N, C-alpha and C. Protein backbone atom coordinates (compact mmCIF):
# COMPACT_ATOMS: atom_id res chain seq x y z
N UNK A 1 -17.49 49.98 33.57
CA UNK A 1 -16.36 50.18 32.68
C UNK A 1 -16.72 49.66 31.29
N UNK A 2 -16.35 50.40 30.25
CA UNK A 2 -16.64 50.03 28.88
C UNK A 2 -15.65 48.98 28.39
N UNK A 3 -16.15 47.98 27.69
CA UNK A 3 -15.29 46.97 27.09
C UNK A 3 -14.41 47.63 26.05
N UNK A 4 -13.08 47.46 26.12
CA UNK A 4 -12.19 48.13 25.16
C UNK A 4 -12.48 47.77 23.72
N UNK A 5 -13.07 46.61 23.45
CA UNK A 5 -13.38 46.24 22.07
C UNK A 5 -14.51 47.10 21.51
N UNK A 6 -15.29 47.74 22.37
CA UNK A 6 -16.40 48.58 21.92
C UNK A 6 -15.94 49.99 21.59
N UNK A 7 -14.72 50.33 21.90
CA UNK A 7 -14.20 51.67 21.62
C UNK A 7 -13.19 51.56 20.49
N UNK A 8 -13.57 51.96 19.25
CA UNK A 8 -12.66 51.83 18.11
C UNK A 8 -11.31 52.47 18.39
N UNK A 9 -10.26 51.74 18.05
CA UNK A 9 -8.92 52.26 18.25
C UNK A 9 -8.38 52.08 19.64
N UNK A 10 -9.14 51.46 20.52
CA UNK A 10 -8.70 51.29 21.89
C UNK A 10 -8.69 49.82 22.31
N UNK A 11 -8.65 48.93 21.34
CA UNK A 11 -8.60 47.52 21.67
C UNK A 11 -7.24 47.15 22.24
N UNK A 12 -7.20 46.15 23.06
CA UNK A 12 -5.94 45.78 23.70
C UNK A 12 -4.88 45.30 22.71
N UNK A 13 -5.27 44.92 21.50
CA UNK A 13 -4.28 44.41 20.56
C UNK A 13 -3.84 45.45 19.51
N UNK A 14 -4.27 46.70 19.65
CA UNK A 14 -3.86 47.72 18.68
C UNK A 14 -2.35 47.93 18.74
N UNK A 15 -1.67 47.86 17.60
CA UNK A 15 -0.22 48.12 17.59
C UNK A 15 0.08 49.56 17.98
N UNK A 16 1.22 49.77 18.59
CA UNK A 16 1.63 51.11 19.00
C UNK A 16 1.65 52.04 17.79
N UNK A 17 0.97 53.18 17.90
CA UNK A 17 0.97 54.18 16.84
C UNK A 17 -0.07 53.96 15.75
N UNK A 18 -0.94 52.96 15.93
CA UNK A 18 -1.96 52.67 14.93
C UNK A 18 -3.34 52.67 15.56
N UNK A 19 -4.32 53.06 14.76
CA UNK A 19 -5.72 53.05 15.16
C UNK A 19 -6.40 51.95 14.35
N UNK A 20 -7.06 51.01 15.00
CA UNK A 20 -7.81 49.96 14.33
C UNK A 20 -9.29 50.28 14.51
N UNK A 21 -10.02 50.37 13.40
CA UNK A 21 -11.43 50.74 13.46
C UNK A 21 -12.27 49.78 12.64
N UNK A 22 -13.48 49.53 13.12
CA UNK A 22 -14.44 48.76 12.35
C UNK A 22 -15.21 49.74 11.48
N UNK A 23 -15.33 49.42 10.19
CA UNK A 23 -16.07 50.26 9.24
C UNK A 23 -17.18 49.41 8.62
N UNK A 24 -17.95 50.02 7.75
CA UNK A 24 -19.06 49.31 7.12
C UNK A 24 -18.58 48.13 6.27
N UNK A 25 -17.35 48.21 5.75
CA UNK A 25 -16.85 47.15 4.86
C UNK A 25 -15.80 46.27 5.51
N UNK A 26 -15.58 46.36 6.80
CA UNK A 26 -14.60 45.52 7.49
C UNK A 26 -13.82 46.34 8.50
N UNK A 27 -12.58 45.97 8.71
CA UNK A 27 -11.69 46.68 9.64
C UNK A 27 -10.59 47.39 8.87
N UNK A 28 -10.18 48.54 9.35
CA UNK A 28 -9.10 49.32 8.74
C UNK A 28 -8.13 49.75 9.81
N UNK A 29 -6.88 49.95 9.40
CA UNK A 29 -5.90 50.57 10.30
C UNK A 29 -5.52 51.93 9.75
N UNK A 30 -5.16 52.82 10.65
CA UNK A 30 -4.66 54.14 10.31
C UNK A 30 -3.39 54.38 11.10
N UNK A 31 -2.33 54.79 10.41
CA UNK A 31 -1.08 55.15 11.07
C UNK A 31 -1.27 56.54 11.66
N UNK A 32 -1.14 56.67 12.96
CA UNK A 32 -1.37 57.95 13.63
C UNK A 32 -0.33 59.01 13.22
N UNK A 33 0.88 58.58 12.87
CA UNK A 33 1.95 59.53 12.57
C UNK A 33 1.74 60.25 11.24
N UNK A 34 1.25 59.53 10.21
CA UNK A 34 1.17 60.17 8.91
C UNK A 34 -0.17 59.97 8.19
N UNK A 35 -1.12 59.31 8.82
CA UNK A 35 -2.46 59.19 8.26
C UNK A 35 -2.63 58.10 7.20
N UNK A 36 -1.58 57.31 6.93
CA UNK A 36 -1.73 56.20 5.98
C UNK A 36 -2.77 55.23 6.51
N UNK A 37 -3.46 54.56 5.59
CA UNK A 37 -4.48 53.59 5.98
C UNK A 37 -4.27 52.28 5.25
N UNK A 38 -4.87 51.24 5.78
CA UNK A 38 -4.86 49.93 5.15
C UNK A 38 -6.18 49.25 5.38
N UNK A 39 -6.59 48.44 4.42
CA UNK A 39 -7.84 47.71 4.56
C UNK A 39 -8.74 47.94 3.38
N UNK A 40 -9.90 47.39 3.41
CA UNK A 40 -10.53 46.73 4.55
C UNK A 40 -10.06 45.28 4.72
N UNK A 41 -10.16 44.81 5.95
CA UNK A 41 -9.82 43.45 6.32
C UNK A 41 -11.08 42.80 6.90
N UNK A 42 -11.22 41.49 6.73
CA UNK A 42 -12.45 40.83 7.19
C UNK A 42 -12.60 40.75 8.70
N UNK A 43 -11.49 40.82 9.43
CA UNK A 43 -11.58 40.73 10.89
C UNK A 43 -10.51 41.62 11.54
N UNK A 44 -10.71 41.92 12.81
CA UNK A 44 -9.79 42.79 13.55
C UNK A 44 -8.39 42.18 13.58
N UNK A 45 -8.29 40.88 13.76
CA UNK A 45 -6.99 40.24 13.84
C UNK A 45 -6.17 40.45 12.57
N UNK A 46 -6.83 40.39 11.40
CA UNK A 46 -6.13 40.62 10.13
C UNK A 46 -5.65 42.07 10.03
N UNK A 47 -6.48 43.00 10.49
CA UNK A 47 -6.09 44.42 10.44
C UNK A 47 -4.91 44.67 11.38
N UNK A 48 -4.93 44.06 12.55
CA UNK A 48 -3.83 44.21 13.51
C UNK A 48 -2.54 43.65 12.92
N UNK A 49 -2.61 42.46 12.31
CA UNK A 49 -1.43 41.84 11.71
C UNK A 49 -0.86 42.71 10.60
N UNK A 50 -1.73 43.29 9.78
CA UNK A 50 -1.27 44.14 8.68
C UNK A 50 -0.64 45.43 9.21
N UNK A 51 -1.22 46.00 10.26
CA UNK A 51 -0.64 47.21 10.86
C UNK A 51 0.71 46.91 11.47
N UNK A 52 0.85 45.77 12.14
CA UNK A 52 2.14 45.40 12.71
C UNK A 52 3.19 45.20 11.62
N UNK A 53 2.78 44.60 10.51
CA UNK A 53 3.70 44.41 9.38
C UNK A 53 4.11 45.76 8.79
N UNK A 54 3.16 46.68 8.69
CA UNK A 54 3.46 48.01 8.17
C UNK A 54 4.42 48.75 9.10
N UNK A 55 4.22 48.57 10.38
CA UNK A 55 5.06 49.25 11.38
C UNK A 55 6.52 48.81 11.29
N UNK A 56 6.73 47.54 10.99
CA UNK A 56 8.09 47.02 10.93
C UNK A 56 8.71 47.11 9.54
N UNK A 57 7.95 47.54 8.58
CA UNK A 57 8.45 47.64 7.18
C UNK A 57 9.38 48.83 7.01
């Protein structure tokens, strides 16, 4: 079985409706509903927190 952290956008902490991906310059989130993005963030946890904040905004 593949570790979910190795599959971008499939980590156990990804907020509902968001894709968290590692890029060359850090981590980014993408809103699946409308394609908005945020980042780069220095770590996955920061990207997840920002996506959760965007989701509740």
